[in-house]
PDB file of N, CA and C in Angstrom:
ATOM      1  N   UNK A   1     -23.129 -13.904 -31.395  1.00  0.00           N
ATOM      2  CA  UNK A   1     -22.419 -14.947 -31.937  1.00  0.00           C
ATOM      3  C   UNK A   1     -21.820 -14.669 -33.262  1.00  0.00           C
ATOM      4  N   UNK A   2     -22.572 -13.867 -34.048  1.00  0.00           N
ATOM      5  CA  UNK A   2     -22.075 -13.453 -35.447  1.00  0.00           C
ATOM      6  C   UNK A   2     -20.717 -12.655 -35.434  1.00  0.00           C
ATOM      7  N   UNK A   3     -20.622 -11.913 -34.359  1.00  0.00           N
ATOM      8  CA  UNK A   3     -19.289 -11.183 -34.279  1.00  0.00           C
ATOM      9  C   UNK A   3     -18.105 -12.044 -33.929  1.00  0.00           C
ATOM     10  N   UNK A   4     -18.375 -13.270 -33.378  1.00  0.00           N
ATOM     11  CA  UNK A   4     -17.368 -14.143 -32.967  1.00  0.00           C
ATOM     12  C   UNK A   4     -16.862 -15.048 -33.926  1.00  0.00           C
ATOM     13  N   UNK A   5     -17.601 -15.073 -35.166  1.00  0.00           N
ATOM     14  CA  UNK A   5     -17.172 -15.953 -36.240  1.00  0.00           C
ATOM     15  C   UNK A   5     -15.885 -15.429 -36.986  1.00  0.00           C
ATOM     16  N   UNK A   6     -15.278 -16.222 -37.780  1.00  0.00           N
ATOM     17  CA  UNK A   6     -14.164 -15.694 -38.487  1.00  0.00           C
ATOM     18  C   UNK A   6     -14.429 -15.924 -40.020  1.00  0.00           C
ATOM     19  N   UNK A   7     -14.611 -14.815 -40.755  1.00  0.00           N
ATOM     20  CA  UNK A   7     -14.653 -13.414 -40.299  1.00  0.00           C
ATOM     21  C   UNK A   7     -15.966 -13.136 -39.620  1.00  0.00           C
ATOM     22  N   UNK A   8     -16.088 -11.996 -38.937  1.00  0.00           N
ATOM     23  CA  UNK A   8     -17.331 -11.664 -38.183  1.00  0.00           C
ATOM     24  C   UNK A   8     -18.360 -11.473 -39.371  1.00  0.00           C
ATOM     25  N   UNK A   9     -19.621 -12.100 -39.024  1.00  0.00           N
ATOM     26  CA  UNK A   9     -20.682 -12.184 -40.095  1.00  0.00           C
ATOM     27  C   UNK A   9     -21.573 -10.953 -39.878  1.00  0.00           C
ATOM     28  N   UNK A  10     -21.994 -10.460 -40.968  1.00  0.00           N
ATOM     29  CA  UNK A  10     -23.129  -9.456 -41.030  1.00  0.00           C
ATOM     30  C   UNK A  10     -24.300 -10.064 -40.627  1.00  0.00           C
ATOM     31  N   UNK A  11     -25.044  -9.212 -39.824  1.00  0.00           N
ATOM     32  CA  UNK A  11     -26.358  -9.628 -39.365  1.00  0.00           C
ATOM     33  C   UNK A  11     -27.404  -8.525 -39.259  1.00  0.00           C
ATOM     34  N   UNK A  12     -28.663  -8.912 -38.894  1.00  0.00           N
ATOM     35  CA  UNK A  12     -29.726  -7.799 -38.656  1.00  0.00           C
ATOM     36  C   UNK A  12     -30.064  -7.967 -37.239  1.00  0.00           C
ATOM     37  N   UNK A  13     -30.130  -6.877 -36.544  1.00  0.00           N
ATOM     38  CA  UNK A  13     -30.677  -6.815 -35.138  1.00  0.00           C
ATOM     39  C   UNK A  13     -32.152  -6.494 -35.240  1.00  0.00           C
ATOM     40  N   UNK A  14     -32.979  -7.495 -34.955  1.00  0.00           N
ATOM     41  CA  UNK A  14     -34.326  -7.280 -35.050  1.00  0.00           C
ATOM     42  C   UNK A  14     -35.127  -6.857 -33.774  1.00  0.00           C
ATOM     43  N   UNK A  15     -34.253  -6.432 -32.867  1.00  0.00           N
ATOM     44  CA  UNK A  15     -34.779  -5.975 -31.571  1.00  0.00           C
ATOM     45  C   UNK A  15     -35.767  -6.988 -30.971  1.00  0.00           C
ATOM     46  N   UNK A  16     -35.232  -8.230 -30.622  1.00  0.00           N
ATOM     47  CA  UNK A  16     -36.136  -9.359 -30.228  1.00  0.00           C
ATOM     48  C   UNK A  16     -36.922  -9.036 -28.981  1.00  0.00           C
ATOM     49  N   UNK A  17     -36.325  -8.315 -28.126  1.00  0.00           N
ATOM     50  CA  UNK A  17     -36.999  -8.063 -26.819  1.00  0.00           C
ATOM     51  C   UNK A  17     -38.263  -7.102 -27.144  1.00  0.00           C
ATOM     52  N   UNK A  18     -37.876  -6.138 -27.835  1.00  0.00           N
ATOM     53  CA  UNK A  18     -39.204  -5.215 -28.233  1.00  0.00           C
ATOM     54  C   UNK A  18     -40.160  -5.903 -29.051  1.00  0.00           C
ATOM     55  N   UNK A  19     -39.746  -6.773 -29.957  1.00  0.00           N
ATOM     56  CA  UNK A  19     -40.606  -7.644 -30.717  1.00  0.00           C
ATOM     57  C   UNK A  19     -41.603  -8.386 -29.921  1.00  0.00           C
ATOM     58  N   UNK A  20     -41.098  -9.087 -28.870  1.00  0.00           N
ATOM     59  CA  UNK A  20     -41.707  -9.727 -27.963  1.00  0.00           C
ATOM     60  C   UNK A  20     -42.812  -8.966 -27.081  1.00  0.00           C
ATOM     61  N   UNK A  21     -42.280  -7.864 -26.665  1.00  0.00           N
ATOM     62  CA  UNK A  21     -43.069  -6.962 -25.864  1.00  0.00           C
ATOM     63  C   UNK A  21     -44.246  -6.480 -26.707  1.00  0.00           C
ATOM     64  N   UNK A  22     -44.015  -6.080 -27.940  1.00  0.00           N
ATOM     65  CA  UNK A  22     -45.258  -5.560 -28.719  1.00  0.00           C
ATOM     66  C   UNK A  22     -46.170  -6.757 -29.045  1.00  0.00           C
ATOM     67  N   UNK A  23     -45.589  -7.881 -29.255  1.00  0.00           N
ATOM     68  CA  UNK A  23     -46.461  -9.045 -29.555  1.00  0.00           C
ATOM     69  C   UNK A  23     -47.405  -9.335 -28.367  1.00  0.00           C
ATOM     70  N   UNK A  24     -46.939  -9.235 -27.161  1.00  0.00           N
ATOM     71  CA  UNK A  24     -47.640  -9.553 -25.923  1.00  0.00           C
ATOM     72  C   UNK A  24     -48.716  -8.433 -25.719  1.00  0.00           C
ATOM     73  N   UNK A  25     -48.253  -7.325 -25.976  1.00  0.00           N
ATOM     74  CA  UNK A  25     -49.282  -6.191 -25.845  1.00  0.00           C
ATOM     75  C   UNK A  25     -50.497  -6.353 -26.803  1.00  0.00           C
ATOM     76  N   UNK A  26     -50.154  -6.779 -28.029  1.00  0.00           N
ATOM     77  CA  UNK A  26     -51.305  -6.897 -29.059  1.00  0.00           C
ATOM     78  C   UNK A  26     -52.077  -8.207 -28.714  1.00  0.00           C
ATOM     79  N   UNK A  27     -51.400  -9.244 -28.127  1.00  0.00           N
ATOM     80  CA  UNK A  27     -52.201 -10.442 -27.773  1.00  0.00           C
ATOM     81  C   UNK A  27     -53.147 -10.102 -26.616  1.00  0.00           C
ATOM     82  N   UNK A  28     -52.566  -9.376 -25.531  1.00  0.00           N
ATOM     83  CA  UNK A  28     -53.430  -9.001 -24.475  1.00  0.00           C
ATOM     84  C   UNK A  28     -54.807  -8.166 -24.858  1.00  0.00           C
ATOM     85  N   UNK A  29     -54.370  -7.204 -25.818  1.00  0.00           N
ATOM     86  CA  UNK A  29     -55.416  -6.397 -26.305  1.00  0.00           C
ATOM     87  C   UNK A  29     -56.503  -7.260 -27.046  1.00  0.00           C
ATOM     88  N   UNK A  30     -56.027  -8.201 -27.812  1.00  0.00           N
ATOM     89  CA  UNK A  30     -57.061  -9.048 -28.532  1.00  0.00           C
ATOM     90  C   UNK A  30     -57.857  -9.839 -27.546  1.00  0.00           C
ATOM     91  N   UNK A  31     -57.182 -10.374 -26.484  1.00  0.00           N
ATOM     92  CA  UNK A  31     -57.885 -11.144 -25.488  1.00  0.00           C
ATOM     93  C   UNK A  31     -58.873 -10.395 -24.724  1.00  0.00           C
ATOM     94  N   UNK A  32     -58.689  -9.122 -24.570  1.00  0.00           N
ATOM     95  CA  UNK A  32     -59.522  -8.177 -23.686  1.00  0.00           C
ATOM     96  C   UNK A  32     -60.765  -7.846 -24.689  1.00  0.00           C
ATOM     97  N   UNK A  33     -60.479  -7.761 -25.877  1.00  0.00           N
ATOM     98  CA  UNK A  33     -61.573  -7.204 -26.843  1.00  0.00           C
ATOM     99  C   UNK A  33     -61.397  -8.074 -28.128  1.00  0.00           C
ATOM    100  N   UNK A  34     -62.113  -9.172 -28.167  1.00  0.00           N
ATOM    101  CA  UNK A  34     -62.016 -10.054 -29.403  1.00  0.00           C
ATOM    102  C   UNK A  34     -62.617  -9.455 -30.709  1.00  0.00           C
ATOM    103  N   UNK A  35     -63.256  -8.399 -30.535  1.00  0.00           N
ATOM    104  CA  UNK A  35     -63.859  -7.773 -31.717  1.00  0.00           C
ATOM    105  C   UNK A  35     -62.954  -6.736 -32.341  1.00  0.00           C
ATOM    106  N   UNK A  36     -61.898  -6.358 -31.733  1.00  0.00           N
ATOM    107  CA  UNK A  36     -60.995  -5.343 -32.208  1.00  0.00           C
ATOM    108  C   UNK A  36     -60.344  -5.851 -33.461  1.00  0.00           C
ATOM    109  N   UNK A  37     -60.004  -4.967 -34.396  1.00  0.00           N
ATOM    110  CA  UNK A  37     -59.365  -5.396 -35.576  1.00  0.00           C
ATOM    111  C   UNK A  37     -57.811  -5.521 -35.511  1.00  0.00           C
ATOM    112  N   UNK A  38     -57.177  -6.331 -36.230  1.00  0.00           N
ATOM    113  CA  UNK A  38     -55.832  -6.492 -36.120  1.00  0.00           C
ATOM    114  C   UNK A  38     -55.050  -5.252 -36.356  1.00  0.00           C
ATOM    115  N   UNK A  39     -54.011  -5.186 -35.673  1.00  0.00           N
ATOM    116  CA  UNK A  39     -53.080  -4.023 -35.814  1.00  0.00           C
ATOM    117  C   UNK A  39     -51.744  -4.366 -36.430  1.00  0.00           C
ATOM    118  N   UNK A  40     -51.157  -3.461 -36.953  1.00  0.00           N
ATOM    119  CA  UNK A  40     -49.724  -3.739 -37.446  1.00  0.00           C
ATOM    120  C   UNK A  40     -48.749  -2.790 -36.677  1.00  0.00           C
ATOM    121  N   UNK A  41     -47.714  -3.374 -36.107  1.00  0.00           N
ATOM    122  CA  UNK A  41     -46.697  -2.639 -35.396  1.00  0.00           C
ATOM    123  C   UNK A  41     -45.347  -2.855 -36.002  1.00  0.00           C
ATOM    124  N   UNK A  42     -44.614  -1.827 -36.375  1.00  0.00           N
ATOM    125  CA  UNK A  42     -43.339  -1.856 -36.962  1.00  0.00           C
ATOM    126  C   UNK A  42     -42.228  -1.744 -35.907  1.00  0.00           C
ATOM    127  N   UNK A  43     -41.478  -2.727 -35.594  1.00  0.00           N
ATOM    128  CA  UNK A  43     -40.360  -2.648 -34.740  1.00  0.00           C
ATOM    129  C   UNK A  43     -39.078  -2.323 -35.502  1.00  0.00           C
ATOM    130  N   UNK A  44     -38.456  -1.242 -35.097  1.00  0.00           N
ATOM    131  CA  UNK A  44     -37.190  -0.930 -35.752  1.00  0.00           C
ATOM    132  C   UNK A  44     -36.056  -2.022 -35.864  1.00  0.00           C
ATOM    133  N   UNK A  45     -35.383  -1.941 -36.889  1.00  0.00           N
ATOM    134  CA  UNK A  45     -34.375  -3.031 -37.037  1.00  0.00           C
ATOM    135  C   UNK A  45     -33.043  -2.356 -37.577  1.00  0.00           C
ATOM    136  N   UNK A  46     -31.940  -3.054 -37.458  1.00  0.00           N
ATOM    137  CA  UNK A  46     -30.641  -2.382 -38.008  1.00  0.00           C
ATOM    138  C   UNK A  46     -29.873  -3.443 -38.558  1.00  0.00           C
ATOM    139  N   UNK A  47     -29.239  -3.072 -39.700  1.00  0.00           N
ATOM    140  CA  UNK A  47     -28.225  -3.945 -40.348  1.00  0.00           C
ATOM    141  C   UNK A  47     -26.839  -3.689 -39.659  1.00  0.00           C
ATOM    142  N   UNK A  48     -26.267  -4.718 -39.276  1.00  0.00           N
ATOM    143  CA  UNK A  48     -24.815  -4.560 -38.616  1.00  0.00           C
ATOM    144  C   UNK A  48     -23.948  -5.200 -39.600  1.00  0.00           C
ATOM    145  N   UNK A  49     -23.175  -4.305 -40.211  1.00  0.00           N
ATOM    146  CA  UNK A  49     -22.214  -4.700 -41.177  1.00  0.00           C
ATOM    147  C   UNK A  49     -20.934  -5.102 -40.558  1.00  0.00           C
ATOM    148  N   UNK A  50     -20.421  -6.312 -40.949  1.00  0.00           N
ATOM    149  CA  UNK A  50     -19.118  -6.720 -40.293  1.00  0.00           C
ATOM    150  C   UNK A  50     -18.302  -7.308 -41.518  1.00  0.00           C
ATOM    151  N   UNK A  51     -17.198  -7.866 -41.273  1.00  0.00           N
ATOM    152  CA  UNK A  51     -16.265  -8.156 -42.325  1.00  0.00           C
ATOM    153  C   UNK A  51     -16.842  -9.127 -43.433  1.00  0.00           C
ATOM    154  N   UNK A  52     -17.845  -9.822 -43.087  1.00  0.00           N
ATOM    155  CA  UNK A  52     -18.318 -10.774 -44.092  1.00  0.00           C
ATOM    156  C   UNK A  52     -18.865 -10.119 -45.403  1.00  0.00           C
ATOM    157  N   UNK A  53     -19.074  -8.831 -45.309  1.00  0.00           N
ATOM    158  CA  UNK A  53     -19.709  -8.130 -46.481  1.00  0.00           C
ATOM    159  C   UNK A  53     -18.696  -6.980 -46.922  1.00  0.00           C
ATOM    160  N   UNK A  54     -17.512  -7.049 -46.456  1.00  0.00           N
ATOM    161  CA  UNK A  54     -16.524  -6.013 -46.864  1.00  0.00           C
ATOM    162  C   UNK A  54     -15.964  -6.365 -48.231  1.00  0.00           C
ATOM    163  N   UNK A  55     -15.412  -5.499 -48.838  1.00  0.00           N
ATOM    164  CA  UNK A  55     -14.751  -5.644 -50.217  1.00  0.00           C
ATOM    165  C   UNK A  55     -13.741  -6.710 -50.249  1.00  0.00           C
ATOM    166  N   UNK A  56     -13.762  -7.648 -51.044  1.00  0.00           N
ATOM    167  CA  UNK A  56     -12.672  -8.667 -51.131  1.00  0.00           C
ATOM    168  C   UNK A  56     -11.386  -8.086 -51.685  1.00  0.00           C
ATOM    169  N   UNK A  57     -10.324  -8.467 -51.001  1.00  0.00           N
ATOM    170  CA  UNK A  57      -9.063  -7.845 -51.348  1.00  0.00           C
ATOM    171  C   UNK A  57      -8.229  -8.973 -51.788  1.00  0.00           C
ATOM    172  N   UNK A  58      -7.404  -8.867 -52.802  1.00  0.00           N
ATOM    173  CA  UNK A  58      -6.483  -9.895 -53.381  1.00  0.00           C
ATOM    174  C   UNK A  58      -5.150  -9.916 -52.541  1.00  0.00           C
TER     175      UNK A  58
END
């Protein structure tokens, strides 16, 4: 949707599918062993620069 705006809006791709997949893996792991300690998983992200952050021209 961000690229359809006028001007196209800069956004961050947070890899929503991978984020959900990792969350479910951690949830199942916690359900299998409730004594396991919490884990931190870093899901890669990407800044997608579009015209909304380009240099303003007179």
